[in-house]
PDB file of N, CA and C in Angstrom:
ATOM      1  N   MET A   1     -13.913 -11.613 -19.993  1.00  0.00           N
ATOM      2  CA  MET A   1     -12.742 -10.548 -20.426  1.00  0.00           C
ATOM      3  C   MET A   1     -12.446 -11.437 -20.626  1.00  0.00           C
ATOM      4  N   SER A   2     -11.201 -11.701 -22.363  1.00  0.00           N
ATOM      5  CA  SER A   2      -9.872 -12.039 -22.469  1.00  0.00           C
ATOM      6  C   SER A   2      -8.853 -12.026 -21.833  1.00  0.00           C
ATOM      7  N   PRO A   3      -7.777 -12.235 -21.952  1.00  0.00           N
ATOM      8  CA  PRO A   3      -5.975 -11.578 -21.058  1.00  0.00           C
ATOM      9  C   PRO A   3      -5.557 -10.797 -21.794  1.00  0.00           C
ATOM     10  N   LYS A   4      -6.284 -10.531 -23.520  1.00  0.00           N
ATOM     11  CA  LYS A   4      -5.529  -9.145 -24.254  1.00  0.00           C
ATOM     12  C   LYS A   4      -6.265  -8.128 -23.749  1.00  0.00           C
ATOM     13  N   ASP A   5      -7.593  -8.897 -23.974  1.00  0.00           N
ATOM     14  CA  ASP A   5      -8.450  -7.263 -22.971  1.00  0.00           C
ATOM     15  C   ASP A   5      -8.405  -7.207 -22.085  1.00  0.00           C
ATOM     16  N   VAL A   6      -7.657  -7.240 -21.743  1.00  0.00           N
ATOM     17  CA  VAL A   6      -7.879  -7.105 -19.802  1.00  0.00           C
ATOM     18  C   VAL A   6      -6.522  -6.552 -19.736  1.00  0.00           C
ATOM     19  N   CYS A   7      -5.419  -6.589 -20.553  1.00  0.00           N
ATOM     20  CA  CYS A   7      -4.012  -5.806 -20.228  1.00  0.00           C
ATOM     21  C   CYS A   7      -4.041  -4.347 -20.772  1.00  0.00           C
ATOM     22  N   GLN A   8      -5.109  -4.611 -22.210  1.00  0.00           N
ATOM     23  CA  GLN A   8      -5.751  -2.740 -23.328  1.00  0.00           C
ATOM     24  C   GLN A   8      -6.143  -2.308 -22.536  1.00  0.00           C
ATOM     25  N   GLU A   9      -6.892  -2.817 -21.330  1.00  0.00           N
ATOM     26  CA  GLU A   9      -8.422  -2.379 -19.958  1.00  0.00           C
ATOM     27  C   GLU A   9      -6.775  -1.559 -19.511  1.00  0.00           C
ATOM     28  N   LEU A  10      -6.212  -2.602 -19.092  1.00  0.00           N
ATOM     29  CA  LEU A  10      -5.115  -1.601 -18.151  1.00  0.00           C
ATOM     30  C   LEU A  10      -4.390  -0.500 -18.675  1.00  0.00           C
ATOM     31  N   ALA A  11      -3.823  -0.478 -20.117  1.00  0.00           N
ATOM     32  CA  ALA A  11      -3.266   0.684 -21.029  1.00  0.00           C
ATOM     33  C   ALA A  11      -3.827   1.997 -21.071  1.00  0.00           C
ATOM     34  N   ASN A  12      -4.631   1.068 -21.176  1.00  0.00           N
ATOM     35  CA  ASN A  12      -5.743   2.405 -21.414  1.00  0.00           C
ATOM     36  C   ASN A  12      -6.661   3.173 -20.143  1.00  0.00           C
ATOM     37  N   ARG A  13      -6.608   2.615 -19.004  1.00  0.00           N
ATOM     38  CA  ARG A  13      -6.604   3.007 -17.754  1.00  0.00           C
ATOM     39  C   ARG A  13      -5.210   4.104 -16.789  1.00  0.00           C
ATOM     40  N   LEU A  14      -3.896   3.343 -16.778  1.00  0.00           N
ATOM     41  CA  LEU A  14      -2.575   3.854 -17.080  1.00  0.00           C
ATOM     42  C   LEU A  14      -2.803   5.119 -17.549  1.00  0.00           C
ATOM     43  N   THR A  15      -3.519   5.613 -18.933  1.00  0.00           N
ATOM     44  CA  THR A  15      -3.395   6.404 -20.687  1.00  0.00           C
ATOM     45  C   THR A  15      -4.434   7.627 -19.774  1.00  0.00           C
ATOM     46  N   ALA A  16      -5.519   6.568 -19.510  1.00  0.00           N
ATOM     47  CA  ALA A  16      -6.169   8.532 -18.742  1.00  0.00           C
ATOM     48  C   ALA A  16      -5.668   9.179 -18.089  1.00  0.00           C
ATOM     49  N   ILE A  17      -4.954   8.196 -16.923  1.00  0.00           N
ATOM     50  CA  ILE A  17      -3.654   8.778 -15.360  1.00  0.00           C
ATOM     51  C   ILE A  17      -3.325   9.025 -15.867  1.00  0.00           C
ATOM     52  N   ARG A  18      -2.464   9.369 -17.235  1.00  0.00           N
ATOM     53  CA  ARG A  18      -1.167   9.995 -17.431  1.00  0.00           C
ATOM     54  C   ARG A  18      -2.455  11.537 -18.089  1.00  0.00           C
ATOM     55  N   LEU A  19      -2.690  11.487 -18.659  1.00  0.00           N
ATOM     56  CA  LEU A  19      -3.029  12.102 -19.268  1.00  0.00           C
ATOM     57  C   LEU A  19      -4.292  12.689 -18.638  1.00  0.00           C
ATOM     58  N   HIS A  20      -4.899  12.510 -17.212  1.00  0.00           N
ATOM     59  CA  HIS A  20      -5.750  13.783 -16.488  1.00  0.00           C
ATOM     60  C   HIS A  20      -4.365  14.268 -14.877  1.00  0.00           C
ATOM     61  N   LYS A  21      -2.487  13.155 -15.606  1.00  0.00           N
ATOM     62  CA  LYS A  21      -1.687  14.865 -14.840  1.00  0.00           C
ATOM     63  C   LYS A  21      -1.392  15.699 -16.573  1.00  0.00           C
ATOM     64  N   THR A  22      -2.042  15.219 -17.398  1.00  0.00           N
ATOM     65  CA  THR A  22      -1.400  16.391 -18.290  1.00  0.00           C
ATOM     66  C   THR A  22      -0.217  15.320 -18.987  1.00  0.00           C
ATOM     67  N   TRP A  23       0.918  14.658 -17.886  1.00  0.00           N
ATOM     68  CA  TRP A  23       2.072  14.219 -18.580  1.00  0.00           C
ATOM     69  C   TRP A  23       2.120  13.811 -20.251  1.00  0.00           C
ATOM     70  N   THR A  24       2.854  14.191 -21.313  1.00  0.00           N
ATOM     71  CA  THR A  24       3.864  13.859 -22.230  1.00  0.00           C
ATOM     72  C   THR A  24       4.249  12.358 -21.776  1.00  0.00           C
ATOM     73  N   ARG A  25       3.884  11.664 -23.276  1.00  0.00           N
ATOM     74  CA  ARG A  25       5.372   9.838 -22.793  1.00  0.00           C
ATOM     75  C   ARG A  25       6.354  10.339 -22.572  1.00  0.00           C
ATOM     76  N   GLU A  26       6.651  10.951 -23.160  1.00  0.00           N
ATOM     77  CA  GLU A  26       8.717  11.933 -22.743  1.00  0.00           C
ATOM     78  C   GLU A  26       8.887  11.926 -21.969  1.00  0.00           C
ATOM     79  N   THR A  27       7.303  12.447 -20.651  1.00  0.00           N
ATOM     80  CA  THR A  27       7.852  12.787 -19.641  1.00  0.00           C
ATOM     81  C   THR A  27       6.372  11.732 -18.178  1.00  0.00           C
ATOM     82  N   LEU A  28       6.273  10.547 -18.699  1.00  0.00           N
ATOM     83  CA  LEU A  28       6.226   9.598 -18.080  1.00  0.00           C
ATOM     84  C   LEU A  28       7.358   8.570 -18.160  1.00  0.00           C
ATOM     85  N   ALA A  29       7.309   8.247 -19.342  1.00  0.00           N
ATOM     86  CA  ALA A  29       8.796   7.696 -19.926  1.00  0.00           C
ATOM     87  C   ALA A  29       9.676   7.853 -19.164  1.00  0.00           C
ATOM     88  N   ALA A  30      10.118   9.148 -18.687  1.00  0.00           N
ATOM     89  CA  ALA A  30      11.533   9.772 -18.149  1.00  0.00           C
ATOM     90  C   ALA A  30      10.961   9.390 -16.747  1.00  0.00           C
ATOM     91  N   ASN A  31      10.108   9.928 -16.109  1.00  0.00           N
ATOM     92  CA  ASN A  31       9.261   9.631 -14.751  1.00  0.00           C
ATOM     93  C   ASN A  31       9.388   8.017 -14.216  1.00  0.00           C
ATOM     94  N   ALA A  32       9.053   7.231 -15.164  1.00  0.00           N
ATOM     95  CA  ALA A  32       9.634   5.489 -15.090  1.00  0.00           C
ATOM     96  C   ALA A  32      10.652   4.901 -15.570  1.00  0.00           C
ATOM     97  N   ARG A  33      11.693   5.635 -15.635  1.00  0.00           N
ATOM     98  CA  ARG A  33      12.917   5.069 -17.159  1.00  0.00           C
ATOM     99  C   ARG A  33      12.708   4.211 -17.325  1.00  0.00           C
ATOM    100  N   VAL A  34      11.677   4.420 -18.651  1.00  0.00           N
ATOM    101  CA  VAL A  34      11.375   2.975 -19.284  1.00  0.00           C
ATOM    102  C   VAL A  34      11.614   4.153 -20.457  1.00  0.00           C
ATOM    103  N   ASN A  35      11.712   3.141 -21.968  1.00  0.00           N
ATOM    104  CA  ASN A  35      11.380   3.061 -22.941  1.00  0.00           C
ATOM    105  C   ASN A  35      11.044   4.183 -23.470  1.00  0.00           C
ATOM    106  N   VAL A  36      10.858   5.929 -24.643  1.00  0.00           N
ATOM    107  CA  VAL A  36       9.582   5.842 -24.402  1.00  0.00           C
ATOM    108  C   VAL A  36       8.650   4.741 -25.936  1.00  0.00           C
ATOM    109  N   HIS A  37       9.655   4.507 -26.418  1.00  0.00           N
ATOM    110  CA  HIS A  37       9.150   3.331 -27.767  1.00  0.00           C
ATOM    111  C   HIS A  37       8.053   1.900 -26.858  1.00  0.00           C
ATOM    112  N   THR A  38       8.137   2.001 -25.171  1.00  0.00           N
ATOM    113  CA  THR A  38       8.183   0.587 -24.685  1.00  0.00           C
ATOM    114  C   THR A  38       5.957   1.185 -23.918  1.00  0.00           C
ATOM    115  N   LEU A  39       6.488   2.528 -23.374  1.00  0.00           N
ATOM    116  CA  LEU A  39       5.624   3.027 -22.815  1.00  0.00           C
ATOM    117  C   LEU A  39       4.153   3.266 -24.494  1.00  0.00           C
ATOM    118  N   LYS A  40       4.776   4.102 -25.504  1.00  0.00           N
ATOM    119  CA  LYS A  40       4.263   3.384 -26.655  1.00  0.00           C
ATOM    120  C   LYS A  40       2.743   2.179 -27.332  1.00  0.00           C
ATOM    121  N   ARG A  41       4.330   1.477 -27.197  1.00  0.00           N
ATOM    122  CA  ARG A  41       3.575  -0.128 -28.000  1.00  0.00           C
ATOM    123  C   ARG A  41       3.065  -0.726 -26.437  1.00  0.00           C
ATOM    124  N   PHE A  42       3.064  -0.059 -25.414  1.00  0.00           N
ATOM    125  CA  PHE A  42       1.869  -0.238 -24.484  1.00  0.00           C
ATOM    126  C   PHE A  42       0.448   0.275 -24.098  1.00  0.00           C
ATOM    127  N   GLU A  43       0.288   1.697 -24.674  1.00  0.00           N
ATOM    128  CA  GLU A  43      -1.035   2.362 -24.895  1.00  0.00           C
ATOM    129  C   GLU A  43      -1.829   1.933 -25.831  1.00  0.00           C
ATOM    130  N   ARG A  44      -1.025   1.278 -26.627  1.00  0.00           N
ATOM    131  CA  ARG A  44      -1.863   1.309 -27.649  1.00  0.00           C
ATOM    132  C   ARG A  44      -2.060  -0.768 -28.081  1.00  0.00           C
ATOM    133  N   SER A  45      -1.277  -1.515 -27.428  1.00  0.00           N
ATOM    134  CA  SER A  45      -1.500  -2.379 -27.855  1.00  0.00           C
ATOM    135  C   SER A  45      -1.889  -3.298 -26.529  1.00  0.00           C
ATOM    136  N   GLY A  46      -1.360  -2.549 -24.699  1.00  0.00           N
ATOM    137  CA  GLY A  46      -1.438  -3.586 -23.644  1.00  0.00           C
ATOM    138  C   GLY A  46      -0.459  -4.545 -23.471  1.00  0.00           C
ATOM    139  N   GLN A  47       0.386  -4.145 -24.518  1.00  0.00           N
ATOM    140  CA  GLN A  47       1.535  -5.254 -24.150  1.00  0.00           C
ATOM    141  C   GLN A  47       2.410  -4.511 -23.836  1.00  0.00           C
ATOM    142  N   VAL A  48       3.453  -5.669 -22.394  1.00  0.00           N
ATOM    143  CA  VAL A  48       5.170  -4.652 -21.510  1.00  0.00           C
ATOM    144  C   VAL A  48       5.109  -5.392 -20.931  1.00  0.00           C
ATOM    145  N   SER A  49       6.187  -5.636 -20.092  1.00  0.00           N
ATOM    146  CA  SER A  49       6.980  -6.484 -19.307  1.00  0.00           C
ATOM    147  C   SER A  49       5.584  -6.304 -17.577  1.00  0.00           C
ATOM    148  N   LEU A  50       5.766  -7.275 -16.936  1.00  0.00           N
ATOM    149  CA  LEU A  50       5.923  -6.810 -15.644  1.00  0.00           C
ATOM    150  C   LEU A  50       6.206  -5.799 -14.912  1.00  0.00           C
ATOM    151  N   GLU A  51       7.969  -5.959 -14.939  1.00  0.00           N
ATOM    152  CA  GLU A  51       8.943  -5.491 -14.263  1.00  0.00           C
ATOM    153  C   GLU A  51       7.696  -3.391 -14.777  1.00  0.00           C
ATOM    154  N   ARG A  52       8.076  -3.469 -15.634  1.00  0.00           N
ATOM    155  CA  ARG A  52       7.628  -2.184 -16.562  1.00  0.00           C
ATOM    156  C   ARG A  52       6.674  -1.224 -16.089  1.00  0.00           C
ATOM    157  N   LEU A  53       5.391  -2.158 -15.986  1.00  0.00           N
ATOM    158  CA  LEU A  53       4.113  -2.150 -15.108  1.00  0.00           C
ATOM    159  C   LEU A  53       4.160  -1.211 -14.259  1.00  0.00           C
ATOM    160  N   ILE A  54       4.830  -1.870 -13.258  1.00  0.00           N
ATOM    161  CA  ILE A  54       4.622  -1.626 -11.538  1.00  0.00           C
ATOM    162  C   ILE A  54       5.978  -0.223 -12.207  1.00  0.00           C
ATOM    163  N   ALA A  55       6.760  -0.419 -13.099  1.00  0.00           N
ATOM    164  CA  ALA A  55       7.655   1.174 -13.036  1.00  0.00           C
ATOM    165  C   ALA A  55       6.640   2.098 -13.111  1.00  0.00           C
ATOM    166  N   ILE A  56       5.282   2.281 -14.475  1.00  0.00           N
ATOM    167  CA  ILE A  56       4.301   2.780 -14.506  1.00  0.00           C
ATOM    168  C   ILE A  56       3.618   3.258 -13.767  1.00  0.00           C
ATOM    169  N   ALA A  57       2.900   2.281 -12.751  1.00  0.00           N
ATOM    170  CA  ALA A  57       2.427   1.969 -12.137  1.00  0.00           C
ATOM    171  C   ALA A  57       2.882   3.609 -11.255  1.00  0.00           C
ATOM    172  N   GLN A  58       4.481   3.412 -10.834  1.00  0.00           N
ATOM    173  CA  GLN A  58       4.361   3.905  -9.727  1.00  0.00           C
ATOM    174  C   GLN A  58       4.637   5.143  -9.529  1.00  0.00           C
ATOM    175  N   ALA A  59       5.503   5.371 -11.308  1.00  0.00           N
ATOM    176  CA  ALA A  59       5.683   6.764 -11.841  1.00  0.00           C
ATOM    177  C   ALA A  59       4.490   7.850 -11.654  1.00  0.00           C
ATOM    178  N   LEU A  60       3.167   7.337 -11.900  1.00  0.00           N
ATOM    179  CA  LEU A  60       1.483   7.537 -11.790  1.00  0.00           C
ATOM    180  C   LEU A  60       0.493   7.652 -10.406  1.00  0.00           C
ATOM    181  N   ASP A  61       1.647   7.550  -9.361  1.00  0.00           N
ATOM    182  CA  ASP A  61       1.379   6.617  -7.999  1.00  0.00           C
ATOM    183  C   ASP A  61       0.250   6.625  -8.245  1.00  0.00           C
ATOM    184  N   ALA A  62      -0.147   5.125  -8.610  1.00  0.00           N
ATOM    185  CA  ALA A  62      -1.234   4.431  -9.091  1.00  0.00           C
ATOM    186  C   ALA A  62      -0.403   2.467  -8.089  1.00  0.00           C
ATOM    187  N   HIS A  63       0.913   2.976  -7.940  1.00  0.00           N
ATOM    188  CA  HIS A  63       1.159   1.645  -7.449  1.00  0.00           C
ATOM    189  C   HIS A  63       0.617   0.838  -6.753  1.00  0.00           C
ATOM    190  N   GLN A  64      -0.553   1.480  -5.671  1.00  0.00           N
ATOM    191  CA  GLN A  64      -1.330   0.892  -4.818  1.00  0.00           C
ATOM    192  C   GLN A  64      -2.302  -0.665  -4.761  1.00  0.00           C
ATOM    193  N   GLU A  65      -2.671   0.280  -6.122  1.00  0.00           N
ATOM    194  CA  GLU A  65      -3.748  -1.055  -6.459  1.00  0.00           C
ATOM    195  C   GLU A  65      -2.645  -2.461  -7.027  1.00  0.00           C
ATOM    196  N   LEU A  66      -1.330  -1.827  -7.499  1.00  0.00           N
ATOM    197  CA  LEU A  66      -0.512  -3.153  -7.543  1.00  0.00           C
ATOM    198  C   LEU A  66      -0.410  -4.346  -6.643  1.00  0.00           C
ATOM    199  N   GLU A  67       0.122  -2.995  -5.497  1.00  0.00           N
ATOM    200  CA  GLU A  67       0.858  -4.070  -5.082  1.00  0.00           C
ATOM    201  C   GLU A  67      -0.962  -4.590  -3.514  1.00  0.00           C
ATOM    202  N   ARG A  68      -1.702  -4.043  -4.242  1.00  0.00           N
ATOM    203  CA  ARG A  68      -3.054  -5.722  -3.265  1.00  0.00           C
ATOM    204  C   ARG A  68      -3.427  -5.743  -3.905  1.00  0.00           C
ATOM    205  N   LEU A  69      -3.131  -6.200  -5.548  1.00  0.00           N
ATOM    206  CA  LEU A  69      -3.425  -7.478  -5.987  1.00  0.00           C
ATOM    207  C   LEU A  69      -3.117  -9.006  -5.989  1.00  0.00           C
ATOM    208  N   PHE A  70      -3.288  -9.822  -5.401  1.00  0.00           N
ATOM    209  CA  PHE A  70      -3.350 -10.666  -5.073  1.00  0.00           C
ATOM    210  C   PHE A  70      -3.739 -11.520  -3.374  1.00  0.00           C
ATOM    211  N   LYS A  71      -2.801  -9.920  -2.273  1.00  0.00           N
ATOM    212  CA  LYS A  71      -2.406 -10.355  -1.678  1.00  0.00           C
ATOM    213  C   LYS A  71      -4.063 -11.118  -1.104  1.00  0.00           C
ATOM    214  N   PRO A  72      -3.722 -12.259   0.495  1.00  0.00           N
ATOM    215  CA  PRO A  72      -4.196 -12.284   0.869  1.00  0.00           C
ATOM    216  C   PRO A  72      -4.993 -11.639   2.149  1.00  0.00           C
ATOM    217  N   ARG A  73      -6.408 -12.382   2.086  1.00  0.00           N
ATOM    218  CA  ARG A  73      -6.813 -11.415   2.797  1.00  0.00           C
ATOM    219  C   ARG A  73      -7.082 -12.053   4.181  1.00  0.00           C
ATOM    220  N   GLN A  74      -7.176 -11.622   5.746  1.00  0.00           N
ATOM    221  CA  GLN A  74      -7.752 -11.789   6.548  1.00  0.00           C
ATOM    222  C   GLN A  74      -8.563 -11.910   7.778  1.00  0.00           C
ATOM    223  N   ARG A  75      -9.121 -13.295   8.345  1.00  0.00           N
ATOM    224  CA  ARG A  75     -10.156 -13.611   8.607  1.00  0.00           C
ATOM    225  C   ARG A  75     -10.217 -12.587  10.070  1.00  0.00           C
ATOM    226  N   ILE A  76     -11.492 -11.968  10.493  1.00  0.00           N
ATOM    227  CA  ILE A  76     -11.455 -11.499  11.395  1.00  0.00           C
ATOM    228  C   ILE A  76     -12.458 -11.505  12.578  1.00  0.00           C
ATOM    229  N   ASP A  77     -12.480 -12.379  13.458  1.00  0.00           N
ATOM    230  CA  ASP A  77     -13.163 -12.909  14.372  1.00  0.00           C
ATOM    231  C   ASP A  77     -13.739 -10.803  15.255  1.00  0.00           C
ATOM    232  N   VAL A  78     -15.004 -11.643  14.408  1.00  0.00           N
ATOM    233  CA  VAL A  78     -16.083 -10.137  15.302  1.00  0.00           C
ATOM    234  C   VAL A  78     -15.938 -10.178  16.912  1.00  0.00           C
ATOM    235  N   GLU A  79     -15.134 -11.453  17.640  1.00  0.00           N
ATOM    236  CA  GLU A  79     -16.177 -11.582  18.963  1.00  0.00           C
ATOM    237  C   GLU A  79     -14.742 -10.085  20.058  1.00  0.00           C
ATOM    238  N   ASN A  80     -13.228 -10.517  19.589  1.00  0.00           N
ATOM    239  CA  ASN A  80     -12.414  -9.610  19.950  1.00  0.00           C
ATOM    240  C   ASN A  80     -11.716  -8.675  19.220  1.00  0.00           C
ATOM    241  N   TRP A  81     -11.720  -9.128  17.329  1.00  0.00           N
ATOM    242  CA  TRP A  81     -11.900  -7.925  16.931  1.00  0.00           C
ATOM    243  C   TRP A  81     -10.277  -7.973  16.638  1.00  0.00           C
ATOM    244  N   GLN A  82      -9.854  -9.335  16.377  1.00  0.00           N
ATOM    245  CA  GLN A  82      -8.542 -10.003  15.738  1.00  0.00           C
ATOM    246  C   GLN A  82      -8.474 -10.678  14.695  1.00  0.00           C
ATOM    247  N   ALA A  83      -7.251  -9.863  13.863  1.00  0.00           N
ATOM    248  CA  ALA A  83      -7.137 -11.229  12.714  1.00  0.00           C
ATOM    249  C   ALA A  83      -7.087 -12.742  13.022  1.00  0.00           C
ATOM    250  N   ILE A  84      -7.669 -14.208  12.335  1.00  0.00           N
ATOM    251  CA  ILE A  84      -7.473 -15.211  12.645  1.00  0.00           C
ATOM    252  C   ILE A  84      -6.789 -15.170  11.887  1.00  0.00           C
ATOM    253  N   ALA A  85      -5.291 -16.361  12.758  1.00  0.00           N
ATOM    254  CA  ALA A  85      -4.516 -16.340  12.060  1.00  0.00           C
ATOM    255  C   ALA A  85      -4.387 -18.115  11.227  1.00  0.00           C
ATOM    256  N   GLN A  86      -4.115 -17.826   9.898  1.00  0.00           N
ATOM    257  CA  GLN A  86      -3.860 -19.056   9.467  1.00  0.00           C
ATOM    258  C   GLN A  86      -3.810 -19.991   8.816  1.00  0.00           C
ATOM    259  N   ASN A  87      -2.697 -21.482   8.525  1.00  0.00           N
ATOM    260  CA  ASN A  87      -1.590 -21.944   8.276  1.00  0.00           C
ATOM    261  C   ASN A  87      -1.719 -21.649   6.576  1.00  0.00           C
ATOM    262  N   LEU A  88      -0.792 -20.454   5.337  1.00  0.00           N
ATOM    263  CA  LEU A  88      -1.052 -20.682   4.415  1.00  0.00           C
ATOM    264  C   LEU A  88      -0.414 -21.278   3.577  1.00  0.00           C
ATOM    265  N   ARG A  89      -0.318 -22.096   2.300  1.00  0.00           N
ATOM    266  CA  ARG A  89      -0.735 -23.640   2.021  1.00  0.00           C
ATOM    267  C   ARG A  89       1.305 -23.241   1.669  1.00  0.00           C
ATOM    268  N   LYS A  90       1.848 -24.044   1.176  1.00  0.00           N
ATOM    269  CA  LYS A  90       3.060 -24.267   0.414  1.00  0.00           C
ATOM    270  C   LYS A  90       3.384 -24.859  -1.056  1.00  0.00           C
ATOM    271  N   ARG A  91       2.402 -25.626  -1.228  1.00  0.00           N
ATOM    272  CA  ARG A  91       2.627 -26.870  -1.603  1.00  0.00           C
ATOM    273  C   ARG A  91       0.856 -26.890  -2.369  1.00  0.00           C
ATOM    274  N   GLY A  92      -0.022 -27.138  -3.258  1.00  0.00           N
ATOM    275  CA  GLY A  92      -0.828 -27.478  -4.135  1.00  0.00           C
ATOM    276  C   GLY A  92      -1.279 -29.058  -3.500  1.00  0.00           C
ATOM    277  N   LYS A  93      -2.626 -29.856  -3.827  1.00  0.00           N
ATOM    278  CA  LYS A  93      -2.986 -30.714  -2.777  1.00  0.00           C
ATOM    279  C   LYS A  93      -1.646 -32.306  -3.807  1.00  0.00           C
ATOM    280  N   ARG A  94      -2.149 -33.292  -2.848  1.00  0.00           N
ATOM    281  CA  ARG A  94      -1.011 -34.460  -4.203  1.00  0.00           C
ATOM    282  C   ARG A  94      -2.349 -34.982  -4.538  1.00  0.00           C
ATOM    283  N   LYS A  95      -1.764 -35.616  -5.706  1.00  0.00           N
ATOM    284  CA  LYS A  95      -2.658 -36.861  -5.750  1.00  0.00           C
ATOM    285  C   LYS A  95      -3.091 -38.068  -5.804  1.00  0.00           C
ATOM    286  N   GLN A  96      -4.627 -37.764  -5.461  1.00  0.00           N
ATOM    287  CA  GLN A  96      -5.249 -39.059  -5.208  1.00  0.00           C
ATOM    288  C   GLN A  96      -5.328 -40.068  -6.487  1.00  0.00           C
ATOM    289  N   ALA A  97      -5.007 -40.851  -6.078  1.00  0.00           N
ATOM    290  CA  ALA A  97      -5.272 -42.806  -6.688  1.00  0.00           C
ATOM    291  C   ALA A  97      -6.389 -43.081  -6.154  1.00  0.00           C
ATOM    292  N   ILE A  98      -6.474 -42.715  -7.872  1.00  0.00           N
ATOM    293  CA  ILE A  98      -7.728 -43.603  -8.648  1.00  0.00           C
ATOM    294  C   ILE A  98      -8.710 -45.313  -8.175  1.00  0.00           C
ATOM    295  N   THR A  99      -8.980 -45.369  -7.685  1.00  0.00           N
ATOM    296  CA  THR A  99      -9.579 -46.638  -7.853  1.00  0.00           C
ATOM    297  C   THR A  99     -10.479 -47.486  -8.759  1.00  0.00           C
ATOM    298  N   ALA A 100     -10.888 -48.578  -9.390  1.00  0.00           N
ATOM    299  CA  ALA A 100     -12.100 -48.541  -9.547  1.00  0.00           C
ATOM    300  C   ALA A 100     -12.212 -50.214  -9.279  1.00  0.00           C
TER     301      ALA A 100
END
């Protein structure tokens, strides 16, 4: 799936939630505090800024899915059912010198 297809699929899903709530675009735009033309463009093309996408998701009460996106998962030790402490990387690895 291309990035453009993913954007359009997100727009379709949020549009379906809006229609399920029987909200008009104007109602959602007012609740999300975005311009109605921005919302219309998003629903048609999938193009929207991240900040506005979050505002729309919050207005539709679908922001929990966005909050879970890219959240690191914790491993659980099954012996005592506690999370295993992991060191999180703060940088990428250094380039290895290529020796011929």
